[in-house]
Amino acid sequence: MNIKSLLLGSAAALAAVSGAQAADAIVAAEPEPVEYVRVCDAFGTGYFYIPGTETCLKIGGFIRVQTNFAPNASGTSDWDSFSRAYISFDAKSDTEYGTLTGFFAAEFNGDFDGGIAGTGDSIIDLDEAYIQIGGLKTGFFYSWWDKGINGETDDLSTNSEFNSLAYIYDGGSFQAGVSVDELEGASSTTRPNNIGVAGIVSASLGGVSFDLLGGYDTDREEGAVRALLSADVASFGTFQLAGVYASGVNAYYSDAEWTVAGSFAIKATDKLTITPAAQYWSDVAFVNGVDQWRAGLTVDYKITDGLKTKLTVNYTDNDRTGDVTTGFIRLQRDF
């Protein structure tokens, strides 16, 4: 009996130990929590929440390959090709003062002969960098003078990017804004503390919109005003008309005393847009009696989603320098 009891006890103890080891073997540690990227639809498409924050981020950009055509476009050659990469980061979040935005964009240009700016083979350019909260915006960004009309024929500003402090009111169909712009480097006089003041009012109703813009250069004590009208013509296309008057050479507009430009973007198909355009300048560079006119045609074609091409040709006739034909062909992949 003692031997039998001993054997049974040993077997029971062995089974208990084996069972404990088997149970321990199947116990797994709790997995670390994983935070997946969440879509943010509060500010439009393309935004996502930065993990661990309530800030929404949108990344965008394009890759462009372009060849320009013009007499002596690059040295003694009549054409010049370059490639450009553009990337932007747009961060937004809601605050008690309105939407807080931080925006950054840069261009990376590759041009073997330096034809883009004539300063090197590869040029890195800060395109924009600004902070905006509610209607208050400050940093380096494009002013309202950057806006043009459809096509690639018009030239309606001299400088359009500054370090600025601006306030913008957006009432939907009515917008207004004022900015104070640093003009250092945009003016050729030797006065210190150069600034400019610009203001705009815009209104839209249906398919018609109108902008009235003005800028005053305190350095040169001259200014310019510009009006721009845009109207959709049913589903056929968009007609645009713009005019500029300048009291003298200034940082915002210095090409001529006055100019008028027009374009009509014809929506030929869902993928093809054809835009004839023209512009006339009076007293070019503020020289009495020297006028200039230009006529051009731009063709935009959407190859597929994210890939498009553009071709433009312009003919310009100047009373002093004669006539010239210029243009470019572009292939661009947007993302």
C-alpha atoms as a PDB file:
ATOM      1  CA  MET A   1       0.000   0.000   0.000  1.00  0.00           C
ATOM      2  CA  ASN A   2       2.798   2.403   0.805  1.00  0.00           C
ATOM      3  CA  ILE A   3       4.517   1.735  -2.502  1.00  0.00           C
ATOM      4  CA  LYS A   4       1.244   2.088  -4.436  1.00  0.00           C
ATOM      5  CA  SER A   5       0.389   5.313  -2.628  1.00  0.00           C
ATOM      6  CA  LEU A   6       3.874   6.636  -3.343  1.00  0.00           C
ATOM      7  CA  LEU A   7       3.585   5.832  -7.065  1.00  0.00           C
ATOM      8  CA  LEU A   8       0.146   7.405  -7.343  1.00  0.00           C
ATOM      9  CA  GLY A   9       1.300  10.527  -5.491  1.00  0.00           C
ATOM     10  CA  SER A  10       4.359  10.869  -7.734  1.00  0.00           C
ATOM     11  CA  ALA A  11       2.198  10.541 -10.868  1.00  0.00           C
ATOM     12  CA  ALA A  12      -0.229  13.156  -9.594  1.00  0.00           C
ATOM     13  CA  ALA A  13       2.607  15.547  -8.782  1.00  0.00           C
ATOM     14  CA  LEU A  14       4.169  15.020 -12.238  1.00  0.00           C
ATOM     15  CA  ALA A  15       0.828  15.652 -13.953  1.00  0.00           C
ATOM     16  CA  ALA A  16       0.331  18.816 -11.945  1.00  0.00           C
ATOM     17  CA  VAL A  17       3.777  20.141 -12.898  1.00  0.00           C
ATOM     18  CA  SER A  18       3.283  19.227 -16.588  1.00  0.00           C
ATOM     19  CA  GLY A  19      -0.136  20.902 -16.648  1.00  0.00           C
ATOM     20  CA  ALA A  20       1.283  24.080 -15.167  1.00  0.00           C
ATOM     21  CA  GLN A  21       4.046  24.202 -17.767  1.00  0.00           C
ATOM     22  CA  ALA A  22       1.566  23.660 -20.625  1.00  0.00           C
ATOM     23  CA  ALA A  23      -0.678  26.435 -19.329  1.00  0.00           C
ATOM     24  CA  ASP A  24       2.269  28.833 -19.000  1.00  0.00           C
ATOM     25  CA  ALA A  25       3.364  28.101 -22.583  1.00  0.00           C
ATOM     26  CA  ILE A  26       0.142  29.455 -24.154  1.00  0.00           C
ATOM     27  CA  VAL A  27      -0.005  32.714 -22.188  1.00  0.00           C
ATOM     28  CA  ALA A  28       0.813  35.608 -24.632  1.00  0.00           C
ATOM     29  CA  ALA A  29       1.741  39.169 -23.732  1.00  0.00           C
ATOM     30  CA  GLU A  30      -0.801  41.876 -24.538  1.00  0.00           C
ATOM     31  CA  PRO A  31       0.011  43.526 -27.917  1.00  0.00           C
ATOM     32  CA  GLU A  32       1.064  47.168 -27.932  1.00  0.00           C
ATOM     33  CA  PRO A  33      -1.787  49.438 -29.050  1.00  0.00           C
ATOM     34  CA  VAL A  34      -1.403  50.662 -32.634  1.00  0.00           C
ATOM     35  CA  GLU A  35      -2.701  54.116 -33.626  1.00  0.00           C
ATOM     36  CA  TYR A  36      -3.752  54.160 -37.262  1.00  0.00           C
ATOM     37  CA  VAL A  37      -3.790  57.339 -39.363  1.00  0.00           C
ATOM     38  CA  ARG A  38      -7.278  58.823 -39.369  1.00  0.00           C
ATOM     39  CA  VAL A  39      -8.816  60.775 -42.237  1.00  0.00           C
ATOM     40  CA  CYS A  40      -9.601  64.413 -41.421  1.00  0.00           C
ATOM     41  CA  ASP A  41     -12.502  65.795 -43.445  1.00  0.00           C
ATOM     42  CA  ALA A  42     -12.955  69.061 -41.524  1.00  0.00           C
ATOM     43  CA  PHE A  43     -10.866  71.107 -44.003  1.00  0.00           C
ATOM     44  CA  GLY A  44     -11.532  69.341 -47.300  1.00  0.00           C
ATOM     45  CA  THR A  45     -10.132  66.284 -49.030  1.00  0.00           C
ATOM     46  CA  GLY A  46      -6.596  65.005 -48.645  1.00  0.00           C
ATOM     47  CA  TYR A  47      -6.090  65.823 -44.948  1.00  0.00           C
ATOM     48  CA  PHE A  48      -5.233  63.302 -42.227  1.00  0.00           C
ATOM     49  CA  TYR A  49      -4.682  63.593 -38.478  1.00  0.00           C
ATOM     50  CA  ILE A  50      -1.063  63.629 -37.363  1.00  0.00           C
ATOM     51  CA  PRO A  51      -0.977  60.636 -34.951  1.00  0.00           C
ATOM     52  CA  GLY A  52      -1.356  61.676 -31.334  1.00  0.00           C
ATOM     53  CA  THR A  53      -2.621  65.177 -32.189  1.00  0.00           C
ATOM     54  CA  GLU A  54      -5.724  66.988 -33.371  1.00  0.00           C
ATOM     55  CA  THR A  55      -3.769  68.687 -36.181  1.00  0.00           C
ATOM     56  CA  CYS A  56      -4.724  67.840 -39.762  1.00  0.00           C
ATOM     57  CA  LEU A  57      -2.005  67.640 -42.413  1.00  0.00           C
ATOM     58  CA  LYS A  58      -2.176  67.636 -46.193  1.00  0.00           C
ATOM     59  CA  ILE A  59       0.822  66.842 -48.408  1.00  0.00           C
ATOM     60  CA  GLY A  60       0.737  67.774 -52.086  1.00  0.00           C
ATOM     61  CA  GLY A  61       2.933  68.719 -55.002  1.00  0.00           C
ATOM     62  CA  PHE A  62       3.867  68.073 -58.598  1.00  0.00           C
ATOM     63  CA  ILE A  63       6.679  67.000 -60.899  1.00  0.00           C
ATOM     64  CA  ARG A  64       7.059  69.159 -64.024  1.00  0.00           C
ATOM     65  CA  VAL A  65       9.157  68.810 -67.162  1.00  0.00           C
ATOM     66  CA  GLN A  66       9.100  71.859 -69.435  1.00  0.00           C
ATOM     67  CA  THR A  67      10.853  73.175 -72.543  1.00  0.00           C
ATOM     68  CA  ASN A  68      10.746  76.912 -73.284  1.00  0.00           C
ATOM     69  CA  PHE A  69      11.126  78.357 -76.786  1.00  0.00           C
ATOM     70  CA  ALA A  70      12.359  81.909 -77.427  1.00  0.00           C
ATOM     71  CA  PRO A  71      15.262  83.663 -79.168  1.00  0.00           C
ATOM     72  CA  ASN A  72      18.343  83.098 -76.991  1.00  0.00           C
ATOM     73  CA  ALA A  73      16.272  81.294 -74.380  1.00  0.00           C
ATOM     74  CA  SER A  74      19.454  79.800 -72.962  1.00  0.00           C
ATOM     75  CA  GLY A  75      22.656  81.491 -74.005  1.00  0.00           C
ATOM     76  CA  THR A  76      22.684  81.382 -77.799  1.00  0.00           C
ATOM     77  CA  SER A  77      20.187  78.510 -77.958  1.00  0.00           C
ATOM     78  CA  ASP A  78      16.542  79.170 -78.802  1.00  0.00           C
ATOM     79  CA  TRP A  79      15.238  76.563 -76.372  1.00  0.00           C
ATOM     80  CA  ASP A  80      15.800  75.600 -72.741  1.00  0.00           C
ATOM     81  CA  SER A  81      14.528  72.553 -70.847  1.00  0.00           C
ATOM     82  CA  PHE A  82      14.191  72.219 -67.100  1.00  0.00           C
ATOM     83  CA  SER A  83      12.592  69.940 -64.504  1.00  0.00           C
ATOM     84  CA  ARG A  84      10.875  71.030 -61.311  1.00  0.00           C
ATOM     85  CA  ALA A  85       9.713  69.241 -58.171  1.00  0.00           C
ATOM     86  CA  TYR A  86       7.237  71.075 -55.929  1.00  0.00           C
ATOM     87  CA  ILE A  87       6.101  69.883 -52.509  1.00  0.00           C
ATOM     88  CA  SER A  88       3.771  71.495 -49.980  1.00  0.00           C
ATOM     89  CA  PHE A  89       2.724  70.812 -46.383  1.00  0.00           C
ATOM     90  CA  ASP A  90      -0.514  72.325 -45.074  1.00  0.00           C
ATOM     91  CA  ALA A  91      -1.240  71.881 -41.345  1.00  0.00           C
ATOM     92  CA  LYS A  92      -4.592  72.993 -39.897  1.00  0.00           C
ATOM     93  CA  SER A  93      -6.370  72.786 -36.569  1.00  0.00           C
ATOM     94  CA  ASP A  94      -9.390  74.416 -34.925  1.00  0.00           C
ATOM     95  CA  THR A  95      -8.816  76.932 -32.128  1.00  0.00           C
ATOM     96  CA  GLU A  96     -10.936  79.387 -30.163  1.00  0.00           C
ATOM     97  CA  TYR A  97      -9.585  82.106 -32.505  1.00  0.00           C
ATOM     98  CA  GLY A  98     -10.483  80.303 -35.717  1.00  0.00           C
ATOM     99  CA  THR A  99      -8.567  77.914 -37.950  1.00  0.00           C
ATOM    100  CA  LEU A 100      -4.827  77.821 -37.297  1.00  0.00           C
ATOM    101  CA  THR A 101      -2.799  77.159 -40.458  1.00  0.00           C
ATOM    102  CA  GLY A 102       0.880  76.555 -41.031  1.00  0.00           C
ATOM    103  CA  PHE A 103       1.863  76.284 -44.707  1.00  0.00           C
ATOM    104  CA  PHE A 104       5.208  75.495 -46.326  1.00  0.00           C
ATOM    105  CA  ALA A 105       6.087  74.867 -49.966  1.00  0.00           C
ATOM    106  CA  ALA A 106       9.390  74.558 -51.817  1.00  0.00           C
ATOM    107  CA  GLU A 107      10.537  74.160 -55.414  1.00  0.00           C
ATOM    108  CA  PHE A 108      13.537  72.141 -56.538  1.00  0.00           C
ATOM    109  CA  ASN A 109      14.652  73.111 -60.037  1.00  0.00           C
ATOM    110  CA  GLY A 110      17.025  71.202 -62.259  1.00  0.00           C
ATOM    111  CA  ASP A 111      18.411  73.118 -65.229  1.00  0.00           C
ATOM    112  CA  PHE A 112      21.803  72.018 -66.466  1.00  0.00           C
ATOM    113  CA  ASP A 113      22.695  75.363 -68.051  1.00  0.00           C
ATOM    114  CA  GLY A 114      21.065  77.522 -65.377  1.00  0.00           C
ATOM    115  CA  GLY A 115      18.533  78.924 -67.830  1.00  0.00           C
ATOM    116  CA  ILE A 116      15.742  79.301 -65.235  1.00  0.00           C
ATOM    117  CA  ALA A 117      17.450  82.007 -63.252  1.00  0.00           C
ATOM    118  CA  GLY A 118      20.942  81.998 -64.681  1.00  0.00           C
ATOM    119  CA  THR A 119      22.510  81.252 -61.303  1.00  0.00           C
ATOM    120  CA  GLY A 120      23.273  77.541 -61.257  1.00  0.00           C
ATOM    121  CA  ASP A 121      22.471  74.015 -62.308  1.00  0.00           C
ATOM    122  CA  SER A 122      20.097  73.191 -59.454  1.00  0.00           C
ATOM    123  CA  ILE A 123      18.071  75.864 -57.687  1.00  0.00           C
ATOM    124  CA  ILE A 124      16.142  75.357 -54.441  1.00  0.00           C
ATOM    125  CA  ASP A 125      13.515  78.005 -53.879  1.00  0.00           C
ATOM    126  CA  LEU A 126      11.272  78.652 -50.871  1.00  0.00           C
ATOM    127  CA  ASP A 127       7.914  79.127 -52.536  1.00  0.00           C
ATOM    128  CA  GLU A 128       5.806  79.999 -49.488  1.00  0.00           C
ATOM    129  CA  ALA A 129       6.030  79.806 -45.693  1.00  0.00           C
ATOM    130  CA  TYR A 130       3.344  81.424 -43.561  1.00  0.00           C
ATOM    131  CA  ILE A 131       1.198  81.206 -40.437  1.00  0.00           C
ATOM    132  CA  GLN A 132      -2.498  82.109 -40.450  1.00  0.00           C
ATOM    133  CA  ILE A 133      -4.985  82.187 -37.622  1.00  0.00           C
ATOM    134  CA  GLY A 134      -8.495  83.243 -38.456  1.00  0.00           C
ATOM    135  CA  GLY A 135      -8.154  86.123 -40.915  1.00  0.00           C
ATOM    136  CA  LEU A 136      -4.656  87.157 -39.790  1.00  0.00           C
ATOM    137  CA  LYS A 137      -1.840  85.931 -42.046  1.00  0.00           C
ATOM    138  CA  THR A 138       1.903  86.566 -41.849  1.00  0.00           C
ATOM    139  CA  GLY A 139       5.002  85.175 -43.531  1.00  0.00           C
ATOM    140  CA  PHE A 140       6.299  84.797 -47.068  1.00  0.00           C
ATOM    141  CA  PHE A 141       3.439  84.226 -49.502  1.00  0.00           C
ATOM    142  CA  TYR A 142       1.888  85.215 -52.829  1.00  0.00           C
ATOM    143  CA  SER A 143      -0.046  88.455 -52.774  1.00  0.00           C
ATOM    144  CA  TRP A 144      -3.293  89.146 -54.611  1.00  0.00           C
ATOM    145  CA  TRP A 145      -1.176  90.564 -57.444  1.00  0.00           C
ATOM    146  CA  ASP A 146      -0.192  87.005 -58.372  1.00  0.00           C
ATOM    147  CA  LYS A 147      -3.674  86.258 -59.685  1.00  0.00           C
ATOM    148  CA  GLY A 148      -3.971  86.442 -63.461  1.00  0.00           C
ATOM    149  CA  ILE A 149      -6.398  85.360 -66.148  1.00  0.00           C
ATOM    150  CA  ASN A 150      -6.714  82.020 -67.938  1.00  0.00           C
ATOM    151  CA  GLY A 151      -4.030  81.074 -70.433  1.00  0.00           C
ATOM    152  CA  GLU A 152      -0.332  81.912 -70.478  1.00  0.00           C
ATOM    153  CA  THR A 153      -0.419  85.185 -72.412  1.00  0.00           C
ATOM    154  CA  ASP A 154      -1.073  87.873 -69.787  1.00  0.00           C
ATOM    155  CA  ASP A 155       1.419  89.741 -67.604  1.00  0.00           C
ATOM    156  CA  LEU A 156      -0.465  91.706 -64.934  1.00  0.00           C
ATOM    157  CA  SER A 157       2.063  92.217 -62.116  1.00  0.00           C
ATOM    158  CA  THR A 158       5.742  92.988 -61.552  1.00  0.00           C
ATOM    159  CA  ASN A 159       6.278  91.513 -58.065  1.00  0.00           C
ATOM    160  CA  SER A 160       3.718  89.259 -56.429  1.00  0.00           C
ATOM    161  CA  GLU A 161       5.480  87.568 -53.499  1.00  0.00           C
ATOM    162  CA  PHE A 162       6.552  89.344 -50.316  1.00  0.00           C
ATOM    163  CA  ASN A 163       7.104  88.948 -46.605  1.00  0.00           C
ATOM    164  CA  SER A 164       3.778  90.372 -45.490  1.00  0.00           C
ATOM    165  CA  LEU A 165       1.285  90.893 -42.707  1.00  0.00           C
ATOM    166  CA  ALA A 166      -2.287  90.648 -44.000  1.00  0.00           C
ATOM    167  CA  TYR A 167      -5.813  90.545 -42.722  1.00  0.00           C
ATOM    168  CA  ILE A 168      -8.435  88.767 -44.831  1.00  0.00           C
ATOM    169  CA  TYR A 169     -12.201  88.845 -44.412  1.00  0.00           C
ATOM    170  CA  ASP A 170     -14.069  86.027 -46.154  1.00  0.00           C
ATOM    171  CA  GLY A 171     -17.833  86.380 -46.240  1.00  0.00           C
ATOM    172  CA  GLY A 172     -18.418  83.726 -48.886  1.00  0.00           C
ATOM    173  CA  SER A 173     -19.646  85.740 -51.851  1.00  0.00           C
ATOM    174  CA  PHE A 174     -17.734  88.814 -50.619  1.00  0.00           C
ATOM    175  CA  GLN A 175     -14.090  89.012 -49.610  1.00  0.00           C
ATOM    176  CA  ALA A 176     -11.820  91.890 -48.596  1.00  0.00           C
ATOM    177  CA  GLY A 177      -8.259  92.152 -47.435  1.00  0.00           C
ATOM    178  CA  VAL A 178      -5.378  94.488 -46.682  1.00  0.00           C
ATOM    179  CA  SER A 179      -1.657  93.748 -46.440  1.00  0.00           C
ATOM    180  CA  VAL A 180       1.556  95.478 -45.452  1.00  0.00           C
ATOM    181  CA  ASP A 181       4.420  94.192 -47.631  1.00  0.00           C
ATOM    182  CA  GLU A 182       8.171  94.400 -47.173  1.00  0.00           C
ATOM    183  CA  LEU A 183       9.624  95.862 -50.394  1.00  0.00           C
ATOM    184  CA  GLU A 184      13.320  95.428 -49.649  1.00  0.00           C
ATOM    185  CA  GLY A 185      14.802  94.071 -52.873  1.00  0.00           C
ATOM    186  CA  ALA A 186      11.646  94.847 -54.849  1.00  0.00           C
ATOM    187  CA  SER A 187      12.510  98.533 -55.251  1.00  0.00           C
ATOM    188  CA  SER A 188      15.579 100.064 -56.851  1.00  0.00           C
ATOM    189  CA  THR A 189      15.859 103.229 -54.780  1.00  0.00           C
ATOM    190  CA  THR A 190      18.226 103.609 -51.846  1.00  0.00           C
ATOM    191  CA  ARG A 191      15.674 104.660 -49.232  1.00  0.00           C
ATOM    192  CA  PRO A 192      15.552 102.471 -46.089  1.00  0.00           C
ATOM    193  CA  ASN A 193      12.500 100.867 -44.487  1.00  0.00           C
ATOM    194  CA  ASN A 194      10.685 100.233 -47.767  1.00  0.00           C
ATOM    195  CA  ILE A 195       7.127  98.949 -47.383  1.00  0.00           C
ATOM    196  CA  GLY A 196       4.028  98.717 -49.541  1.00  0.00           C
ATOM    197  CA  VAL A 197       0.342  98.612 -48.762  1.00  0.00           C
ATOM    198  CA  ALA A 198      -2.112  96.571 -50.845  1.00  0.00           C
ATOM    199  CA  GLY A 199      -5.856  96.048 -50.588  1.00  0.00           C
ATOM    200  CA  ILE A 200      -8.506  94.040 -52.413  1.00  0.00           C
ATOM    201  CA  VAL A 201     -12.277  93.668 -52.538  1.00  0.00           C
ATOM    202  CA  SER A 202     -13.865  90.728 -54.368  1.00  0.00           C
ATOM    203  CA  ALA A 203     -17.447  89.731 -55.037  1.00  0.00           C
ATOM    204  CA  SER A 204     -19.027  86.764 -56.792  1.00  0.00           C
ATOM    205  CA  LEU A 205     -22.552  85.948 -57.854  1.00  0.00           C
ATOM    206  CA  GLY A 206     -23.349  82.783 -59.740  1.00  0.00           C
ATOM    207  CA  GLY A 207     -20.699  82.323 -62.398  1.00  0.00           C
ATOM    208  CA  VAL A 208     -19.558  85.972 -62.340  1.00  0.00           C
ATOM    209  CA  SER A 209     -16.809  87.358 -60.097  1.00  0.00           C
ATOM    210  CA  PHE A 210     -15.064  90.732 -59.853  1.00  0.00           C
ATOM    211  CA  ASP A 211     -11.834  91.823 -58.145  1.00  0.00           C
ATOM    212  CA  LEU A 212     -10.626  95.374 -57.488  1.00  0.00           C
ATOM    213  CA  LEU A 213      -7.028  95.527 -56.273  1.00  0.00           C
ATOM    214  CA  GLY A 214      -4.671  98.357 -55.399  1.00  0.00           C
ATOM    215  CA  GLY A 215      -1.081  98.690 -54.231  1.00  0.00           C
ATOM    216  CA  TYR A 216       0.988 101.677 -53.063  1.00  0.00           C
ATOM    217  CA  ASP A 217       4.803 101.689 -52.969  1.00  0.00           C
ATOM    218  CA  THR A 218       5.883 104.079 -50.187  1.00  0.00           C
ATOM    219  CA  ASP A 219       9.477 103.917 -51.410  1.00  0.00           C
ATOM    220  CA  ARG A 220       8.763 105.295 -54.873  1.00  0.00           C
ATOM    221  CA  GLU A 221       5.565 107.057 -53.802  1.00  0.00           C
ATOM    222  CA  GLU A 222       3.745 105.512 -56.759  1.00  0.00           C
ATOM    223  CA  GLY A 223       0.954 102.974 -56.994  1.00  0.00           C
ATOM    224  CA  ALA A 224      -1.201 100.818 -59.258  1.00  0.00           C
ATOM    225  CA  VAL A 225      -4.799  99.599 -59.440  1.00  0.00           C
ATOM    226  CA  ARG A 226      -6.153  96.533 -61.181  1.00  0.00           C
ATOM    227  CA  ALA A 227      -9.634  95.262 -62.013  1.00  0.00           C
ATOM    228  CA  LEU A 228     -10.453  91.702 -63.080  1.00  0.00           C
ATOM    229  CA  LEU A 229     -13.771  90.331 -64.310  1.00  0.00           C
ATOM    230  CA  SER A 230     -14.513  86.633 -64.791  1.00  0.00           C
ATOM    231  CA  ALA A 231     -17.726  85.165 -66.203  1.00  0.00           C
ATOM    232  CA  ASP A 232     -18.725  81.584 -66.989  1.00  0.00           C
ATOM    233  CA  VAL A 233     -20.469  81.260 -70.350  1.00  0.00           C
ATOM    234  CA  ALA A 234     -22.869  78.357 -69.717  1.00  0.00           C
ATOM    235  CA  SER A 235     -20.843  75.147 -69.989  1.00  0.00           C
ATOM    236  CA  PHE A 236     -18.946  76.482 -72.995  1.00  0.00           C
ATOM    237  CA  GLY A 237     -16.090  78.218 -71.208  1.00  0.00           C
ATOM    238  CA  THR A 238     -14.929  81.188 -69.130  1.00  0.00           C
ATOM    239  CA  PHE A 239     -14.413  84.772 -70.334  1.00  0.00           C
ATOM    240  CA  GLN A 240     -12.001  87.011 -68.416  1.00  0.00           C
ATOM    241  CA  LEU A 241     -11.023  90.668 -68.766  1.00  0.00           C
ATOM    242  CA  ALA A 242      -8.414  92.604 -66.766  1.00  0.00           C
ATOM    243  CA  GLY A 243      -6.960  96.104 -66.759  1.00  0.00           C
ATOM    244  CA  VAL A 244      -4.131  97.816 -64.842  1.00  0.00           C
ATOM    245  CA  TYR A 245      -3.239 101.499 -64.400  1.00  0.00           C
ATOM    246  CA  ALA A 246       0.002 102.652 -62.733  1.00  0.00           C
ATOM    247  CA  SER A 247       0.870 106.213 -61.752  1.00  0.00           C
ATOM    248  CA  GLY A 248       4.566 105.430 -62.213  1.00  0.00           C
ATOM    249  CA  VAL A 249       7.173 102.722 -61.725  1.00  0.00           C
ATOM    250  CA  ASN A 250       6.386 100.835 -58.500  1.00  0.00           C
ATOM    251  CA  ALA A 251       6.988  97.439 -56.910  1.00  0.00           C
ATOM    252  CA  TYR A 252       3.526  96.106 -57.821  1.00  0.00           C
ATOM    253  CA  TYR A 253       3.381  97.088 -61.502  1.00  0.00           C
ATOM    254  CA  SER A 254       6.052  98.757 -63.626  1.00  0.00           C
ATOM    255  CA  ASP A 255       5.573  97.355 -67.136  1.00  0.00           C
ATOM    256  CA  ALA A 256       3.546 100.234 -68.573  1.00  0.00           C
ATOM    257  CA  GLU A 257       1.317 103.152 -67.679  1.00  0.00           C
ATOM    258  CA  TRP A 258      -1.738 101.041 -68.456  1.00  0.00           C
ATOM    259  CA  THR A 259      -2.636  97.696 -69.954  1.00  0.00           C
ATOM    260  CA  VAL A 260      -5.709  95.645 -70.787  1.00  0.00           C
ATOM    261  CA  ALA A 261      -5.881  91.868 -71.277  1.00  0.00           C
ATOM    262  CA  GLY A 262      -8.549  89.322 -72.119  1.00  0.00           C
ATOM    263  CA  SER A 263      -8.915  85.561 -72.537  1.00  0.00           C
ATOM    264  CA  PHE A 264     -11.589  83.002 -73.305  1.00  0.00           C
ATOM    265  CA  ALA A 265     -11.025  79.478 -71.983  1.00  0.00           C
ATOM    266  CA  ILE A 266     -13.031  77.190 -74.254  1.00  0.00           C
ATOM    267  CA  LYS A 267     -13.998  73.878 -72.671  1.00  0.00           C
ATOM    268  CA  ALA A 268     -13.779  71.754 -75.828  1.00  0.00           C
ATOM    269  CA  THR A 269     -14.132  68.438 -73.965  1.00  0.00           C
ATOM    270  CA  ASP A 270     -13.853  67.205 -70.390  1.00  0.00           C
ATOM    271  CA  LYS A 271     -10.113  66.832 -70.989  1.00  0.00           C
ATOM    272  CA  LEU A 272      -9.301  69.564 -73.528  1.00  0.00           C
ATOM    273  CA  THR A 273      -9.320  73.343 -72.921  1.00  0.00           C
ATOM    274  CA  ILE A 274      -8.283  75.845 -75.607  1.00  0.00           C
ATOM    275  CA  THR A 275      -7.584  79.442 -74.527  1.00  0.00           C
ATOM    276  CA  PRO A 276      -6.995  82.278 -77.004  1.00  0.00           C
ATOM    277  CA  ALA A 277      -5.838  85.472 -75.278  1.00  0.00           C
ATOM    278  CA  ALA A 278      -4.462  88.946 -75.997  1.00  0.00           C
ATOM    279  CA  GLN A 279      -2.960  91.925 -74.157  1.00  0.00           C
ATOM    280  CA  TYR A 280      -2.131  95.547 -75.034  1.00  0.00           C
ATOM    281  CA  TRP A 281       0.302  97.852 -73.200  1.00  0.00           C
ATOM    282  CA  SER A 282       0.477 101.645 -73.552  1.00  0.00           C
ATOM    283  CA  ASP A 283       3.668 103.624 -72.796  1.00  0.00           C
ATOM    284  CA  VAL A 284       5.789 100.557 -72.048  1.00  0.00           C
ATOM    285  CA  ALA A 285       8.232 101.197 -69.166  1.00  0.00           C
ATOM    286  CA  PHE A 286       6.572 104.632 -68.973  1.00  0.00           C
ATOM    287  CA  VAL A 287       8.198 105.777 -72.210  1.00  0.00           C
ATOM    288  CA  ASN A 288       5.739 107.948 -74.129  1.00  0.00           C
ATOM    289  CA  GLY A 289       4.683 106.544 -77.488  1.00  0.00           C
ATOM    290  CA  VAL A 290       6.136 103.046 -76.994  1.00  0.00           C
ATOM    291  CA  ASP A 291       3.280 100.548 -77.141  1.00  0.00           C
ATOM    292  CA  GLN A 292       3.151  96.761 -77.256  1.00  0.00           C
ATOM    293  CA  TRP A 293       0.598  94.052 -78.013  1.00  0.00           C
ATOM    294  CA  ARG A 294       0.566  90.287 -77.668  1.00  0.00           C
ATOM    295  CA  ALA A 295      -1.660  87.485 -78.918  1.00  0.00           C
ATOM    296  CA  GLY A 296      -1.394  83.890 -77.827  1.00  0.00           C
ATOM    297  CA  LEU A 297      -2.968  80.459 -77.656  1.00  0.00           C
ATOM    298  CA  THR A 298      -2.766  77.941 -74.805  1.00  0.00           C
ATOM    299  CA  VAL A 299      -3.883  74.306 -75.023  1.00  0.00           C
ATOM    300  CA  ASP A 300      -4.404  72.260 -71.844  1.00  0.00           C
ATOM    301  CA  TYR A 301      -5.030  68.524 -72.033  1.00  0.00           C
ATOM    302  CA  LYS A 302      -5.711  66.143 -69.149  1.00  0.00           C
ATOM    303  CA  ILE A 303      -4.113  62.836 -70.126  1.00  0.00           C
ATOM    304  CA  THR A 304      -5.394  60.961 -67.081  1.00  0.00           C
ATOM    305  CA  ASP A 305      -5.995  61.624 -63.389  1.00  0.00           C
ATOM    306  CA  GLY A 306      -2.877  63.324 -62.051  1.00  0.00           C
ATOM    307  CA  LEU A 307      -1.187  63.786 -65.429  1.00  0.00           C
ATOM    308  CA  LYS A 308      -1.659  66.756 -67.763  1.00  0.00           C
ATOM    309  CA  THR A 309       0.130  68.624 -70.513  1.00  0.00           C
ATOM    310  CA  LYS A 310       0.173  72.258 -71.628  1.00  0.00           C
ATOM    311  CA  LEU A 311       1.308  73.958 -74.839  1.00  0.00           C
ATOM    312  CA  THR A 312       1.406  77.721 -75.322  1.00  0.00           C
ATOM    313  CA  VAL A 313       2.561  80.022 -78.146  1.00  0.00           C
ATOM    314  CA  ASN A 314       2.665  83.837 -77.927  1.00  0.00           C
ATOM    315  CA  TYR A 315       3.468  86.500 -80.507  1.00  0.00           C
ATOM    316  CA  THR A 316       4.564  89.897 -79.129  1.00  0.00           C
ATOM    317  CA  ASP A 317       5.095  93.112 -81.104  1.00  0.00           C
ATOM    318  CA  ASN A 318       6.854  96.071 -79.458  1.00  0.00           C
ATOM    319  CA  ASP A 319       7.212  99.484 -81.135  1.00  0.00           C
ATOM    320  CA  ARG A 320      10.859  99.717 -80.087  1.00  0.00           C
ATOM    321  CA  THR A 321      12.231  96.160 -79.962  1.00  0.00           C
ATOM    322  CA  GLY A 322      10.209  94.572 -82.770  1.00  0.00           C
ATOM    323  CA  ASP A 323       8.372  91.253 -82.758  1.00  0.00           C
ATOM    324  CA  VAL A 324       9.159  87.909 -81.139  1.00  0.00           C
ATOM    325  CA  THR A 325       7.525  84.481 -80.835  1.00  0.00           C
ATOM    326  CA  THR A 326       7.813  82.564 -77.554  1.00  0.00           C
ATOM    327  CA  GLY A 327       6.194  79.558 -75.915  1.00  0.00           C
ATOM    328  CA  PHE A 328       6.654  76.331 -74.000  1.00  0.00           C
ATOM    329  CA  ILE A 329       5.499  72.735 -73.778  1.00  0.00           C
ATOM    330  CA  ARG A 330       4.928  71.136 -70.364  1.00  0.00           C
ATOM    331  CA  LEU A 331       4.203  67.728 -68.881  1.00  0.00           C
ATOM    332  CA  GLN A 332       3.111  67.680 -65.238  1.00  0.00           C
ATOM    333  CA  ARG A 333       2.245  64.966 -62.748  1.00  0.00           C
ATOM    334  CA  ASP A 334       0.202  66.279 -59.791  1.00  0.00           C
ATOM    335  CA  PHE A 335      -0.183  64.514 -56.452  1.00  0.00           C
END
